[in-house]
């Protein structure tokens, strides 16, 4: 399934779930805003989790090391 098809399917499912959960239906534009907000939250949560995973696996560098490397590159 291509990305656009998957997104359309996900959006359709999201709207159907919202309609089942709410007593009133919203305008299409409202559903789009809600869907985008949910995806943004999911993306942010995934990025934070990735950072925690990197930290737990030792795939991090100290800020001092990064700053020292930047100073060397800029001089």
PDB file of N, CA and C in Angstrom:
ATOM      1  N   UNK A   1       0.858  -1.184   0.000  1.00  0.00           N
ATOM      2  CA  UNK A   1       0.000   0.000   0.000  1.00  0.00           C
ATOM      3  C   UNK A   1       0.895   1.234   0.000  1.00  0.00           C
ATOM      4  N   UNK A   2       0.620   2.150  -0.884  1.00  0.00           N
ATOM      5  CA  UNK A   2       1.407   3.377  -0.963  1.00  0.00           C
ATOM      6  C   UNK A   2       1.065   4.297   0.206  1.00  0.00           C
ATOM      7  N   UNK A   3       1.936   5.252   0.438  1.00  0.00           N
ATOM      8  CA  UNK A   3       1.786   6.157   1.579  1.00  0.00           C
ATOM      9  C   UNK A   3       0.458   6.901   1.525  1.00  0.00           C
ATOM     10  N   UNK A   4       0.104   7.448   0.372  1.00  0.00           N
ATOM     11  CA  UNK A   4      -1.141   8.224   0.279  1.00  0.00           C
ATOM     12  C   UNK A   4      -2.352   7.338   0.555  1.00  0.00           C
ATOM     13  N   UNK A   5      -2.307   6.114   0.056  1.00  0.00           N
ATOM     14  CA  UNK A   5      -3.420   5.194   0.303  1.00  0.00           C
ATOM     15  C   UNK A   5      -3.511   4.835   1.783  1.00  0.00           C
ATOM     16  N   UNK A   6      -2.354   4.620   2.398  1.00  0.00           N
ATOM     17  CA  UNK A   6      -2.338   4.302   3.826  1.00  0.00           C
ATOM     18  C   UNK A   6      -2.854   5.478   4.646  1.00  0.00           C
ATOM     19  N   UNK A   7      -2.419   6.694   4.302  1.00  0.00           N
ATOM     20  CA  UNK A   7      -2.877   7.882   5.022  1.00  0.00           C
ATOM     21  C   UNK A   7      -4.393   8.062   4.883  1.00  0.00           C
ATOM     22  N   UNK A   8      -4.906   7.858   3.670  1.00  0.00           N
ATOM     23  CA  UNK A   8      -6.349   7.984   3.464  1.00  0.00           C
ATOM     24  C   UNK A   8      -7.114   6.935   4.260  1.00  0.00           C
ATOM     25  N   UNK A   9      -6.589   5.733   4.276  1.00  0.00           N
ATOM     26  CA  UNK A   9      -7.227   4.666   5.055  1.00  0.00           C
ATOM     27  C   UNK A   9      -7.199   5.005   6.547  1.00  0.00           C
ATOM     28  N   UNK A  10      -6.035   5.453   7.040  1.00  0.00           N
ATOM     29  CA  UNK A  10      -5.904   5.821   8.452  1.00  0.00           C
ATOM     30  C   UNK A  10      -6.844   6.969   8.817  1.00  0.00           C
ATOM     31  N   UNK A  11      -6.938   7.965   7.927  1.00  0.00           N
ATOM     32  CA  UNK A  11      -7.817   9.099   8.187  1.00  0.00           C
ATOM     33  C   UNK A  11      -9.275   8.651   8.219  1.00  0.00           C
ATOM     34  N   UNK A  12      -9.657   7.819   7.267  1.00  0.00           N
ATOM     35  CA  UNK A  12     -11.027   7.318   7.243  1.00  0.00           C
ATOM     36  C   UNK A  12     -11.351   6.568   8.531  1.00  0.00           C
ATOM     37  N   UNK A  13     -10.437   5.731   8.979  1.00  0.00           N
ATOM     38  CA  UNK A  13     -10.665   4.981  10.213  1.00  0.00           C
ATOM     39  C   UNK A  13     -10.755   5.924  11.415  1.00  0.00           C
ATOM     40  N   UNK A  14      -9.899   6.945  11.429  1.00  0.00           N
ATOM     41  CA  UNK A  14      -9.916   7.938  12.494  1.00  0.00           C
ATOM     42  C   UNK A  14     -11.276   8.637  12.556  1.00  0.00           C
ATOM     43  N   UNK A  15     -11.783   9.069  11.399  1.00  0.00           N
ATOM     44  CA  UNK A  15     -13.077   9.760  11.364  1.00  0.00           C
ATOM     45  C   UNK A  15     -14.186   8.829  11.836  1.00  0.00           C
ATOM     46  N   UNK A  16     -14.173   7.594  11.374  1.00  0.00           N
ATOM     47  CA  UNK A  16     -15.208   6.639  11.776  1.00  0.00           C
ATOM     48  C   UNK A  16     -15.164   6.399  13.285  1.00  0.00           C
ATOM     49  N   UNK A  17     -13.960   6.291  13.854  1.00  0.00           N
ATOM     50  CA  UNK A  17     -13.824   6.116  15.304  1.00  0.00           C
ATOM     51  C   UNK A  17     -14.362   7.335  16.050  1.00  0.00           C
ATOM     52  N   UNK A  18     -14.058   8.525  15.547  1.00  0.00           N
ATOM     53  CA  UNK A  18     -14.539   9.755  16.184  1.00  0.00           C
ATOM     54  C   UNK A  18     -16.058   9.831  16.145  1.00  0.00           C
ATOM     55  N   UNK A  19     -16.631   9.491  15.024  1.00  0.00           N
ATOM     56  CA  UNK A  19     -18.089   9.545  14.872  1.00  0.00           C
ATOM     57  C   UNK A  19     -18.745   8.597  15.868  1.00  0.00           C
ATOM     58  N   UNK A  20     -18.167   7.415  16.064  1.00  0.00           N
ATOM     59  CA  UNK A  20     -18.720   6.447  17.014  1.00  0.00           C
ATOM     60  C   UNK A  20     -18.621   6.945  18.453  1.00  0.00           C
ATOM     61  N   UNK A  21     -17.561   7.697  18.765  1.00  0.00           N
ATOM     62  CA  UNK A  21     -17.301   8.138  20.137  1.00  0.00           C
ATOM     63  C   UNK A  21     -18.039   9.421  20.504  1.00  0.00           C
ATOM     64  N   UNK A  22     -18.399  10.231  19.516  1.00  0.00           N
ATOM     65  CA  UNK A  22     -18.991  11.531  19.794  1.00  0.00           C
ATOM     66  C   UNK A  22     -20.467  11.543  19.427  1.00  0.00           C
ATOM     67  N   UNK A  23     -21.197  12.371  20.129  1.00  0.00           N
ATOM     68  CA  UNK A  23     -22.629  12.480  19.843  1.00  0.00           C
ATOM     69  C   UNK A  23     -22.903  13.404  18.657  1.00  0.00           C
ATOM     70  N   UNK A  24     -21.993  14.323  18.392  1.00  0.00           N
ATOM     71  CA  UNK A  24     -22.180  15.229  17.263  1.00  0.00           C
ATOM     72  C   UNK A  24     -21.053  15.034  16.261  1.00  0.00           C
ATOM     73  N   UNK A  25     -21.371  15.178  15.001  1.00  0.00           N
ATOM     74  CA  UNK A  25     -20.343  15.086  13.972  1.00  0.00           C
ATOM     75  C   UNK A  25     -19.762  16.466  13.721  1.00  0.00           C
ATOM     76  N   UNK A  26     -18.528  16.480  13.304  1.00  0.00           N
ATOM     77  CA  UNK A  26     -17.815  17.726  13.051  1.00  0.00           C
ATOM     78  C   UNK A  26     -17.705  17.954  11.546  1.00  0.00           C
ATOM     79  N   UNK A  27     -17.240  19.133  11.188  1.00  0.00           N
ATOM     80  CA  UNK A  27     -16.933  19.402   9.786  1.00  0.00           C
ATOM     81  C   UNK A  27     -15.677  18.647   9.407  1.00  0.00           C
ATOM     82  N   UNK A  28     -15.524  18.381   8.132  1.00  0.00           N
ATOM     83  CA  UNK A  28     -14.358  17.660   7.635  1.00  0.00           C
ATOM     84  C   UNK A  28     -13.059  18.353   8.061  1.00  0.00           C
ATOM     85  N   UNK A  29     -13.054  19.665   7.993  1.00  0.00           N
ATOM     86  CA  UNK A  29     -11.863  20.428   8.372  1.00  0.00           C
ATOM     87  C   UNK A  29     -11.494  20.197   9.841  1.00  0.00           C
ATOM     88  N   UNK A  30     -12.493  20.063  10.698  1.00  0.00           N
ATOM     89  CA  UNK A  30     -12.238  19.791  12.113  1.00  0.00           C
ATOM     90  C   UNK A  30     -11.597  18.422  12.296  1.00  0.00           C
ATOM     91  N   UNK A  31     -12.091  17.442  11.553  1.00  0.00           N
ATOM     92  CA  UNK A  31     -11.494  16.102  11.632  1.00  0.00           C
ATOM     93  C   UNK A  31     -10.045  16.111  11.153  1.00  0.00           C
ATOM     94  N   UNK A  32      -9.773  16.878  10.099  1.00  0.00           N
ATOM     95  CA  UNK A  32      -8.405  16.981   9.597  1.00  0.00           C
ATOM     96  C   UNK A  32      -7.500  17.577  10.672  1.00  0.00           C
ATOM     97  N   UNK A  33      -7.950  18.624  11.332  1.00  0.00           N
ATOM     98  CA  UNK A  33      -7.156  19.253  12.393  1.00  0.00           C
ATOM     99  C   UNK A  33      -6.903  18.280  13.542  1.00  0.00           C
ATOM    100  N   UNK A  34      -7.930  17.565  13.947  1.00  0.00           N
ATOM    101  CA  UNK A  34      -7.780  16.589  15.028  1.00  0.00           C
ATOM    102  C   UNK A  34      -6.836  15.467  14.640  1.00  0.00           C
ATOM    103  N   UNK A  35      -6.942  14.999  13.406  1.00  0.00           N
ATOM    104  CA  UNK A  35      -6.090  13.909  12.925  1.00  0.00           C
ATOM    105  C   UNK A  35      -4.631  14.349  12.863  1.00  0.00           C
ATOM    106  N   UNK A  36      -4.402  15.557  12.358  1.00  0.00           N
ATOM    107  CA  UNK A  36      -3.028  16.085  12.306  1.00  0.00           C
ATOM    108  C   UNK A  36      -2.453  16.244  13.712  1.00  0.00           C
ATOM    109  N   UNK A  37      -3.254  16.721  14.644  1.00  0.00           N
ATOM    110  CA  UNK A  37      -2.777  16.883  16.024  1.00  0.00           C
ATOM    111  C   UNK A  37      -2.422  15.530  16.625  1.00  0.00           C
ATOM    112  N   UNK A  38      -3.254  14.529  16.368  1.00  0.00           N
ATOM    113  CA  UNK A  38      -2.964  13.187  16.888  1.00  0.00           C
ATOM    114  C   UNK A  38      -1.676  12.637  16.291  1.00  0.00           C
ATOM    115  N   UNK A  39      -1.492  12.815  14.976  1.00  0.00           N
ATOM    116  CA  UNK A  39      -0.263  12.329  14.328  1.00  0.00           C
ATOM    117  C   UNK A  39       0.961  13.058  14.853  1.00  0.00           C
ATOM    118  N   UNK A  40       0.820  14.357  15.103  1.00  0.00           N
ATOM    119  CA  UNK A  40       1.945  15.125  15.643  1.00  0.00           C
ATOM    120  C   UNK A  40       2.316  14.617  17.038  1.00  0.00           C
ATOM    121  N   UNK A  41       1.309  14.335  17.863  1.00  0.00           N
ATOM    122  CA  UNK A  41       1.565  13.772  19.198  1.00  0.00           C
ATOM    123  C   UNK A  41       2.266  12.419  19.086  1.00  0.00           C
ATOM    124  N   UNK A  42       1.788  11.588  18.173  1.00  0.00           N
ATOM    125  CA  UNK A  42       2.396  10.266  17.990  1.00  0.00           C
ATOM    126  C   UNK A  42       3.838  10.389  17.518  1.00  0.00           C
ATOM    127  N   UNK A  43       4.107  11.301  16.581  1.00  0.00           N
ATOM    128  CA  UNK A  43       5.468  11.511  16.082  1.00  0.00           C
ATOM    129  C   UNK A  43       6.380  12.025  17.192  1.00  0.00           C
ATOM    130  N   UNK A  44       5.866  12.946  17.997  1.00  0.00           N
ATOM    131  CA  UNK A  44       6.654  13.500  19.103  1.00  0.00           C
ATOM    132  C   UNK A  44       6.949  12.429  20.137  1.00  0.00           C
ATOM    133  N   UNK A  45       5.946  11.639  20.473  1.00  0.00           N
ATOM    134  CA  UNK A  45       6.136  10.558  21.435  1.00  0.00           C
ATOM    135  C   UNK A  45       7.168   9.559  20.922  1.00  0.00           C
ATOM    136  N   UNK A  46       7.107   9.220  19.635  1.00  0.00           N
ATOM    137  CA  UNK A  46       8.065   8.281  19.044  1.00  0.00           C
ATOM    138  C   UNK A  46       9.483   8.852  19.083  1.00  0.00           C
ATOM    139  N   UNK A  47       9.625  10.144  18.806  1.00  0.00           N
ATOM    140  CA  UNK A  47      10.953  10.767  18.834  1.00  0.00           C
ATOM    141  C   UNK A  47      11.520  10.783  20.246  1.00  0.00           C
ATOM    142  N   UNK A  48      10.691  11.065  21.223  1.00  0.00           N
ATOM    143  CA  UNK A  48      11.138  11.053  22.619  1.00  0.00           C
ATOM    144  C   UNK A  48      11.553   9.642  23.014  1.00  0.00           C
ATOM    145  N   UNK A  49      10.759   8.648  22.622  1.00  0.00           N
ATOM    146  CA  UNK A  49      11.098   7.260  22.940  1.00  0.00           C
ATOM    147  C   UNK A  49      12.419   6.862  22.285  1.00  0.00           C
ATOM    148  N   UNK A  50      12.638   7.309  21.054  1.00  0.00           N
ATOM    149  CA  UNK A  50      13.895   7.023  20.365  1.00  0.00           C
ATOM    150  C   UNK A  50      15.071   7.615  21.142  1.00  0.00           C
ATOM    151  N   UNK A  51      14.895   8.818  21.667  1.00  0.00           N
ATOM    152  CA  UNK A  51      15.942   9.427  22.482  1.00  0.00           C
ATOM    153  C   UNK A  51      16.217   8.631  23.744  1.00  0.00           C
ATOM    154  N   UNK A  52      15.158   8.171  24.412  1.00  0.00           N
ATOM    155  CA  UNK A  52      15.341   7.332  25.600  1.00  0.00           C
ATOM    156  C   UNK A  52      16.040   6.026  25.249  1.00  0.00           C
ATOM    157  N   UNK A  53      15.669   5.439  24.114  1.00  0.00           N
ATOM    158  CA  UNK A  53      16.315   4.195  23.678  1.00  0.00           C
ATOM    159  C   UNK A  53      17.793   4.417  23.392  1.00  0.00           C
ATOM    160  N   UNK A  54      18.119   5.534  22.732  1.00  0.00           N
ATOM    161  CA  UNK A  54      19.519   5.865  22.466  1.00  0.00           C
ATOM    162  C   UNK A  54      20.286   6.043  23.770  1.00  0.00           C
ATOM    163  N   UNK A  55      19.669   6.715  24.713  1.00  0.00           N
ATOM    164  CA  UNK A  55      20.304   6.926  26.009  1.00  0.00           C
ATOM    165  C   UNK A  55      20.561   5.598  26.718  1.00  0.00           C
ATOM    166  N   UNK A  56      19.568   4.733  26.729  1.00  0.00           N
ATOM    167  CA  UNK A  56      19.703   3.437  27.395  1.00  0.00           C
ATOM    168  C   UNK A  56      20.753   2.563  26.721  1.00  0.00           C
ATOM    169  N   UNK A  57      20.910   2.711  25.399  1.00  0.00           N
ATOM    170  CA  UNK A  57      21.870   1.897  24.657  1.00  0.00           C
ATOM    171  C   UNK A  57      23.259   2.533  24.613  1.00  0.00           C
ATOM    172  N   UNK A  58      23.390   3.723  25.204  1.00  0.00           N
ATOM    173  CA  UNK A  58      24.691   4.386  25.219  1.00  0.00           C
ATOM    174  C   UNK A  58      25.036   5.082  23.918  1.00  0.00           C
ATOM    175  N   UNK A  59      24.063   5.357  23.084  1.00  0.00           N
ATOM    176  CA  UNK A  59      24.308   6.026  21.809  1.00  0.00           C
ATOM    177  C   UNK A  59      24.150   7.538  21.956  1.00  0.00           C
ATOM    178  N   UNK A  60      24.844   8.107  22.928  1.00  0.00           N
ATOM    179  CA  UNK A  60      24.769   9.542  23.172  1.00  0.00           C
ATOM    180  C   UNK A  60      26.167  10.091  23.400  1.00  0.00           C
ATOM    181  N   UNK A  61      26.288  11.403  23.244  1.00  0.00           N
ATOM    182  CA  UNK A  61      27.550  12.085  23.534  1.00  0.00           C
ATOM    183  C   UNK A  61      27.242  13.260  24.444  1.00  0.00           C
ATOM    184  N   UNK A  62      28.198  13.608  25.250  1.00  0.00           N
ATOM    185  CA  UNK A  62      27.978  14.734  26.149  1.00  0.00           C
ATOM    186  C   UNK A  62      27.969  16.036  25.361  1.00  0.00           C
ATOM    187  N   UNK A  63      27.283  17.017  25.891  1.00  0.00           N
ATOM    188  CA  UNK A  63      27.237  18.332  25.249  1.00  0.00           C
ATOM    189  C   UNK A  63      28.637  18.929  25.159  1.00  0.00           C
ATOM    190  N   UNK A  64      29.457  18.698  26.170  1.00  0.00           N
ATOM    191  CA  UNK A  64      30.830  19.226  26.155  1.00  0.00           C
ATOM    192  C   UNK A  64      31.616  18.643  24.982  1.00  0.00           C
ATOM    193  N   UNK A  65      31.469  17.345  24.726  1.00  0.00           N
ATOM    194  CA  UNK A  65      32.158  16.721  23.592  1.00  0.00           C
ATOM    195  C   UNK A  65      31.674  17.295  22.260  1.00  0.00           C
ATOM    196  N   UNK A  66      30.397  17.482  22.128  1.00  0.00           N
ATOM    197  CA  UNK A  66      29.844  18.029  20.894  1.00  0.00           C
ATOM    198  C   UNK A  66      30.335  19.454  20.690  1.00  0.00           C
ATOM    199  N   UNK A  67      30.321  20.256  21.738  1.00  0.00           N
ATOM    200  CA  UNK A  67      30.785  21.643  21.624  1.00  0.00           C
ATOM    201  C   UNK A  67      32.260  21.697  21.257  1.00  0.00           C
ATOM    202  N   UNK A  68      33.065  20.827  21.847  1.00  0.00           N
ATOM    203  CA  UNK A  68      34.494  20.796  21.530  1.00  0.00           C
ATOM    204  C   UNK A  68      34.695  20.444  20.050  1.00  0.00           C
ATOM    205  N   UNK A  69      33.948  19.493  19.550  1.00  0.00           N
ATOM    206  CA  UNK A  69      34.053  19.113  18.140  1.00  0.00           C
ATOM    207  C   UNK A  69      33.628  20.258  17.242  1.00  0.00           C
ATOM    208  N   UNK A  70      32.561  20.959  17.584  1.00  0.00           N
ATOM    209  CA  UNK A  70      32.124  22.102  16.787  1.00  0.00           C
ATOM    210  C   UNK A  70      33.177  23.216  16.770  1.00  0.00           C
ATOM    211  N   UNK A  71      33.788  23.470  17.916  1.00  0.00           N
ATOM    212  CA  UNK A  71      34.841  24.500  17.968  1.00  0.00           C
ATOM    213  C   UNK A  71      35.986  24.128  17.052  1.00  0.00           C
ATOM    214  N   UNK A  72      36.385  22.842  17.044  1.00  0.00           N
ATOM    215  CA  UNK A  72      37.488  22.404  16.183  1.00  0.00           C
ATOM    216  C   UNK A  72      37.127  22.574  14.708  1.00  0.00           C
ATOM    217  N   UNK A  73      35.913  22.280  14.356  1.00  0.00           N
ATOM    218  CA  UNK A  73      35.487  22.384  12.957  1.00  0.00           C
ATOM    219  C   UNK A  73      35.389  23.831  12.500  1.00  0.00           C
ATOM    220  N   UNK A  74      35.037  24.717  13.402  1.00  0.00           N
ATOM    221  CA  UNK A  74      34.829  26.122  13.030  1.00  0.00           C
ATOM    222  C   UNK A  74      36.109  26.943  13.061  1.00  0.00           C
ATOM    223  N   UNK A  75      37.151  26.412  13.612  1.00  0.00           N
ATOM    224  CA  UNK A  75      38.415  27.174  13.703  1.00  0.00           C
ATOM    225  C   UNK A  75      39.308  26.876  12.541  1.00  0.00           C
TER     226      UNK A  75
END
